[in-house]
Amino acid sequence: MGHGMAKNIVEKGYPLTVMGHRNRKPVEDLLGRGAREAKTPRELAQDSTIVFLCVTGSREVESLVRGKDGLLEGLAKGSVVVDCSTSDPNSTVALAAALEAAGVTLVDAPLSRTPKEAWEGTLDTMVGASPEVFARLKPVLDTWAGRVIHIGGTADGHRMKLLNNFIAMGYAALYAEALTLAQKVGITPERFDSVVRGGRMDCGFYQTFMRWTLEGDRDAHKFTLSNAFKDMRYLESMADAAGLANPVGNAVKNAYALPVAAGKGDDYVPMLATYVASLNGTSLPQKG
């Protein structure tokens, strides 16, 4: 995601400094487009007034901000840090307070859609920021997002992202169990799909999810089971902080806890159907 976002920022006229980690290929591509490279978060902060973070979650965000040679050591007053990760809102609130004490603003702008849309500059983002900071950021957000929604104040973007992912991961858990039950009673995935597709229960997420089972397309939805499990744990934390009983959320979380515990965390979300079928002593006919 970050590669496509950065590509659009630099190609649309903004000076860009990047910091990579294990994979050098995206960094080299961005350097070829006019970006420069920083070796540490502190160096990147010293070279920037707006810093975009696109990492796995809150643990990584906090390490980049607070760690040795971290952003907090290099950011000037008036700078903005934009967390585009799917993060724990409780962590976001605490980190925003720490940055505010240093004269720096934290904005949450988590993403929706896929690396394909990141490359095309048509991601969705839901932004938690004051109206003034949102107005400052909007032109840069527009370089890589097709839909920029100002959802509210600090952490509201992360809250909305978790709600959005709860719906999506809940759909996936339902689809996986329904496909397995269908197979157990003699209804193939193709016959199942012939009823759902084009009907009231059809949607874009369903169509993407089904491409693994129907076509063997491993890369249809490149979002791992371990990331889904992480997001549902964040949702549980948010519900706990709000004093909410969330039995459905817990059930969805456990649908991902099982394959992750079984060593399947690097599989993608549509492959949940294959795992649920295996738990139930059956398999889904696999294409491709």
Protein backbone atom coordinates (compact mmCIF):
# COMPACT_ATOMS: atom_id res chain seq x y z
CA MET A 1 0.00 0.00 0.00
CA GLY A 2 2.73 2.43 1.02
CA HIS A 3 4.62 1.99 -2.24
CA GLY A 4 1.63 3.04 -4.35
CA MET A 5 0.77 5.92 -2.05
CA ALA A 6 4.33 7.24 -2.09
CA LYS A 7 4.53 6.88 -5.87
CA ASN A 8 1.49 9.12 -6.26
CA ILE A 9 2.77 11.71 -3.79
CA VAL A 10 6.09 12.19 -5.58
CA GLU A 11 4.65 11.97 -9.10
CA LYS A 12 2.13 14.70 -8.29
CA GLY A 13 4.76 17.23 -7.36
CA TYR A 14 5.46 16.85 -3.65
CA PRO A 15 9.02 16.41 -2.37
CA LEU A 16 9.26 12.98 -0.77
CA THR A 17 11.57 11.25 1.67
CA VAL A 18 11.05 7.52 2.23
CA MET A 19 12.28 4.89 4.62
CA GLY A 20 12.04 1.23 3.69
CA HIS A 21 12.78 -1.92 5.64
CA ARG A 22 13.34 -5.44 4.28
CA ASN A 23 12.22 -5.07 0.66
CA ARG A 24 14.51 -2.80 -1.34
CA LYS A 25 12.60 -2.97 -4.63
CA PRO A 26 9.90 -0.37 -3.75
CA VAL A 27 12.55 1.96 -2.30
CA GLU A 28 14.67 1.77 -5.43
CA ASP A 29 11.60 2.44 -7.57
CA LEU A 30 10.72 5.54 -5.55
CA LEU A 31 14.29 6.83 -5.64
CA GLY A 32 14.12 6.51 -9.41
CA ARG A 33 11.01 8.72 -9.38
CA GLY A 34 12.76 11.51 -7.45
CA ALA A 35 12.38 10.56 -3.79
CA ARG A 36 15.27 10.58 -1.35
CA GLU A 37 15.94 7.97 1.32
CA ALA A 38 16.25 8.36 5.08
CA LYS A 39 18.05 5.74 7.14
CA THR A 40 16.13 6.30 10.40
CA PRO A 41 12.72 7.64 11.42
CA ARG A 42 14.50 10.57 13.09
CA GLU A 43 16.23 11.52 9.83
CA LEU A 44 12.96 11.23 7.93
CA ALA A 45 11.23 13.47 10.50
CA GLN A 46 13.95 16.11 10.21
CA ASP A 47 13.34 16.20 6.45
CA SER A 48 9.53 16.39 6.61
CA THR A 49 6.61 18.49 7.77
CA ILE A 50 4.04 15.75 7.08
CA VAL A 51 4.91 12.12 7.81
CA PHE A 52 2.75 9.24 6.55
CA LEU A 53 3.01 5.89 8.33
CA CYS A 54 1.71 2.76 6.62
CA VAL A 55 2.66 -0.22 8.79
CA THR A 56 0.97 -3.24 10.36
CA GLY A 57 -0.51 -1.77 13.53
CA SER A 58 -0.12 0.15 16.77
CA ARG A 59 2.96 -1.69 18.03
CA GLU A 60 4.90 -0.72 14.91
CA VAL A 61 3.55 2.85 14.94
CA GLU A 62 4.56 3.37 18.56
CA SER A 63 8.03 1.97 17.88
CA LEU A 64 8.54 4.34 14.93
CA VAL A 65 7.40 7.34 16.96
CA ARG A 66 8.85 6.66 20.42
CA GLY A 67 11.77 4.30 19.69
CA LYS A 68 15.48 5.03 19.47
CA ASP A 69 16.11 7.49 16.62
CA GLY A 70 12.34 7.70 16.34
CA LEU A 71 10.15 10.36 14.80
CA LEU A 72 9.64 12.12 18.11
CA GLU A 73 13.36 12.91 18.23
CA GLY A 74 13.31 14.68 14.87
CA LEU A 75 9.91 16.27 14.38
CA ALA A 76 9.69 20.05 14.47
CA LYS A 77 6.80 21.86 16.14
CA GLY A 78 3.89 22.23 13.75
CA SER A 79 4.58 18.91 12.01
CA VAL A 80 1.85 16.34 11.36
CA VAL A 81 2.12 12.57 11.63
CA VAL A 82 -0.56 10.70 9.65
CA ASP A 83 -1.11 7.09 10.71
CA CYS A 84 -2.57 5.22 7.74
CA SER A 85 -2.29 1.87 9.52
CA THR A 86 -5.23 0.02 11.04
CA SER A 87 -4.42 0.83 14.66
CA ASP A 88 -5.92 0.45 18.13
CA PRO A 89 -7.85 3.68 18.88
CA ASN A 90 -6.81 3.47 22.55
CA SER A 91 -3.17 3.63 21.46
CA THR A 92 -3.96 6.40 18.99
CA VAL A 93 -5.43 8.63 21.71
CA ALA A 94 -2.41 8.10 23.99
CA LEU A 95 0.09 8.69 21.17
CA ALA A 96 -1.74 11.84 20.06
CA ALA A 97 -1.37 13.26 23.57
CA ALA A 98 2.36 12.49 23.65
CA LEU A 99 2.91 14.15 20.28
CA GLU A 100 0.77 17.16 21.20
CA ALA A 101 3.07 17.78 24.15
CA ALA A 102 5.90 18.13 21.62
CA GLY A 103 3.89 20.49 19.41
CA VAL A 104 3.14 17.80 16.81
CA THR A 105 -0.32 16.70 15.60
CA LEU A 106 -1.29 13.06 15.09
CA VAL A 107 -3.91 12.33 12.45
CA ASP A 108 -5.44 8.92 11.79
CA ALA A 109 -6.23 8.16 8.15
CA PRO A 110 -6.63 4.39 7.74
CA LEU A 111 -7.17 2.91 4.30
CA SER A 112 -9.71 0.85 2.44
CA ARG A 113 -9.29 -1.07 -0.84
CA THR A 114 -6.15 -2.81 -2.08
CA PRO A 115 -2.58 -2.19 -3.34
CA LYS A 116 -4.03 -1.96 -6.86
CA GLU A 117 -6.03 1.14 -5.91
CA ALA A 118 -3.03 2.51 -3.99
CA TRP A 119 -1.01 2.38 -7.20
CA GLU A 120 -3.82 4.00 -9.17
CA GLY A 121 -4.35 6.72 -6.54
CA THR A 122 -7.94 5.67 -5.83
CA LEU A 123 -7.83 4.41 -2.25
CA ASP A 124 -10.51 5.26 0.30
CA THR A 125 -9.41 6.92 3.54
CA MET A 126 -11.36 7.92 6.65
CA VAL A 127 -9.68 10.76 8.49
CA GLY A 128 -9.66 11.69 12.18
CA ALA A 129 -8.47 15.30 12.48
CA SER A 130 -9.56 18.83 13.35
CA PRO A 131 -11.15 20.74 10.45
CA GLU A 132 -8.07 22.98 10.18
CA VAL A 133 -5.58 20.10 10.00
CA PHE A 134 -7.83 18.19 7.61
CA ALA A 135 -7.88 21.18 5.25
CA ARG A 136 -4.07 21.32 5.37
CA LEU A 137 -3.73 17.62 4.55
CA LYS A 138 -6.50 17.26 1.97
CA PRO A 139 -4.43 18.19 -1.13
CA VAL A 140 -1.81 15.56 -0.24
CA LEU A 141 -4.42 12.93 0.60
CA ASP A 142 -5.99 13.59 -2.80
CA THR A 143 -2.80 12.44 -4.52
CA TRP A 144 -3.41 8.82 -3.50
CA ALA A 145 -7.09 8.62 -2.49
CA GLY A 146 -10.23 8.75 -4.59
CA ARG A 147 -12.50 9.06 -1.55
CA VAL A 148 -11.34 11.18 1.39
CA ILE A 149 -13.89 11.20 4.21
CA HIS A 150 -13.46 13.46 7.25
CA ILE A 151 -15.04 11.13 9.80
CA GLY A 152 -14.36 13.17 12.96
CA GLY A 153 -11.68 13.96 15.52
CA THR A 154 -8.62 12.12 16.79
CA ALA A 155 -8.95 8.30 16.60
CA ASP A 156 -12.35 8.43 14.86
CA GLY A 157 -10.71 7.28 11.62
CA HIS A 158 -9.27 4.23 13.37
CA ARG A 159 -12.58 3.56 15.10
CA MET A 160 -14.45 3.65 11.80
CA LYS A 161 -11.83 1.48 10.11
CA LEU A 162 -12.27 -1.22 12.75
CA LEU A 163 -16.04 -1.09 12.30
CA ASN A 164 -15.58 -1.39 8.55
CA ASN A 165 -13.22 -4.36 8.97
CA PHE A 166 -15.59 -5.97 11.47
CA ILE A 167 -18.25 -6.03 8.77
CA ALA A 168 -15.81 -7.32 6.13
CA MET A 169 -14.21 -10.00 8.31
CA GLY A 170 -17.65 -10.98 9.60
CA TYR A 171 -18.79 -11.49 6.00
CA ALA A 172 -15.73 -13.63 5.34
CA ALA A 173 -16.38 -15.81 8.40
CA LEU A 174 -20.01 -16.27 7.33
CA TYR A 175 -19.06 -17.10 3.75
CA ALA A 176 -16.47 -19.65 4.88
CA GLU A 177 -18.90 -21.45 7.17
CA ALA A 178 -21.77 -21.30 4.66
CA LEU A 179 -19.60 -22.73 1.88
CA THR A 180 -18.49 -25.54 4.16
CA LEU A 181 -22.02 -26.37 5.24
CA ALA A 182 -23.15 -26.25 1.61
CA GLN A 183 -20.43 -28.73 0.63
CA LYS A 184 -21.36 -31.04 3.53
CA VAL A 185 -24.98 -31.21 2.36
CA GLY A 186 -24.08 -31.69 -1.29
CA ILE A 187 -24.20 -28.15 -2.72
CA THR A 188 -21.03 -27.24 -4.61
CA PRO A 189 -19.43 -23.79 -4.44
CA GLU A 190 -20.51 -23.19 -8.05
CA ARG A 191 -24.16 -23.92 -7.24
CA PHE A 192 -23.93 -21.84 -4.06
CA ASP A 193 -22.50 -18.94 -6.07
CA SER A 194 -25.18 -19.22 -8.76
CA VAL A 195 -27.80 -18.28 -6.16
CA VAL A 196 -25.90 -15.54 -4.29
CA ARG A 197 -24.25 -13.79 -7.23
CA GLY A 198 -26.54 -11.18 -8.72
CA GLY A 199 -29.00 -11.45 -5.83
CA ARG A 200 -29.59 -9.28 -2.78
CA MET A 201 -26.77 -10.95 -0.83
CA ASP A 202 -24.18 -10.19 -3.52
CA CYS A 203 -21.58 -7.46 -3.03
CA GLY A 204 -18.08 -6.53 -4.15
CA PHE A 205 -16.49 -8.16 -1.10
CA TYR A 206 -18.32 -11.40 -1.77
CA GLN A 207 -17.12 -11.45 -5.37
CA THR A 208 -13.50 -10.89 -4.34
CA PHE A 209 -13.74 -13.48 -1.56
CA MET A 210 -15.11 -16.14 -3.91
CA ARG A 211 -12.32 -15.82 -6.47
CA TRP A 212 -10.10 -18.09 -4.36
CA THR A 213 -12.66 -20.89 -4.11
CA LEU A 214 -14.06 -20.58 -7.63
CA GLU A 215 -10.93 -19.64 -9.59
CA GLY A 216 -7.96 -20.46 -7.36
CA ASP A 217 -6.92 -16.80 -7.44
CA ARG A 218 -4.58 -16.59 -4.45
CA ASP A 219 -4.06 -12.85 -4.82
CA ALA A 220 -7.71 -11.79 -5.12
CA HIS A 221 -7.67 -10.26 -1.62
CA LYS A 222 -4.13 -9.93 -0.25
CA PHE A 223 -5.04 -9.42 3.39
CA THR A 224 -3.67 -12.03 5.76
CA LEU A 225 -5.54 -14.01 8.38
CA SER A 226 -3.08 -12.75 11.00
CA ASN A 227 -3.91 -9.13 10.11
CA ALA A 228 -7.63 -9.93 10.30
CA PHE A 229 -7.09 -11.47 13.75
CA LYS A 230 -5.13 -8.39 14.85
CA ASP A 231 -7.90 -6.05 13.71
CA MET A 232 -10.58 -8.06 15.50
CA ARG A 233 -8.51 -7.93 18.70
CA TYR A 234 -8.38 -4.14 18.31
CA LEU A 235 -12.16 -4.14 17.82
CA GLU A 236 -12.54 -6.14 21.03
CA SER A 237 -10.34 -3.63 22.87
CA MET A 238 -12.46 -0.77 21.53
CA ALA A 239 -15.65 -2.53 22.64
CA ASP A 240 -14.19 -3.17 26.09
CA ALA A 241 -13.26 0.50 26.47
CA ALA A 242 -16.80 1.48 25.47
CA GLY A 243 -18.36 -1.03 27.91
CA LEU A 244 -20.04 -2.93 25.07
CA ALA A 245 -21.01 -6.59 25.08
CA ASN A 246 -19.89 -7.79 21.64
CA PRO A 247 -20.63 -11.52 21.29
CA VAL A 248 -20.67 -11.38 17.47
CA GLY A 249 -17.34 -9.54 17.44
CA ASN A 250 -15.84 -12.21 19.68
CA ALA A 251 -17.14 -14.96 17.43
CA VAL A 252 -15.61 -13.28 14.39
CA LYS A 253 -12.30 -12.80 16.23
CA ASN A 254 -12.20 -16.50 17.11
CA ALA A 255 -12.87 -17.45 13.49
CA TYR A 256 -9.42 -15.98 12.75
CA ALA A 257 -7.75 -17.05 16.00
CA LEU A 258 -8.13 -20.72 15.02
CA PRO A 259 -6.25 -20.67 11.69
CA VAL A 260 -3.61 -18.31 13.06
CA ALA A 261 -2.99 -20.69 15.98
CA ALA A 262 -2.73 -23.52 13.44
CA GLY A 263 0.08 -21.75 11.58
CA LYS A 264 -2.06 -20.39 8.73
CA GLY A 265 -1.63 -16.71 9.59
CA ASP A 266 0.13 -15.86 6.32
CA ASP A 267 -2.76 -17.21 4.26
CA TYR A 268 -5.15 -14.63 2.84
CA VAL A 269 -8.69 -14.05 4.11
CA PRO A 270 -10.51 -15.92 1.28
CA MET A 271 -8.52 -19.03 2.25
CA LEU A 272 -10.47 -19.10 5.51
CA ALA A 273 -13.05 -21.14 3.59
CA THR A 274 -10.47 -23.84 2.88
CA TYR A 275 -9.43 -23.96 6.53
CA VAL A 276 -13.00 -24.13 7.88
CA ALA A 277 -13.76 -26.95 5.44
CA SER A 278 -10.71 -28.88 6.64
CA LEU A 279 -11.80 -28.48 10.28
CA ASN A 280 -15.08 -30.11 9.34
CA GLY A 281 -13.61 -33.10 7.54
CA THR A 282 -14.32 -31.94 4.03
CA SER A 283 -12.72 -29.87 1.27
CA LEU A 284 -13.93 -27.37 -1.25
CA PRO A 285 -13.25 -28.30 -4.89
CA GLN A 286 -10.26 -26.17 -5.82
CA LYS A 287 -9.84 -24.62 -9.25
CA GLY A 288 -6.54 -23.55 -10.80
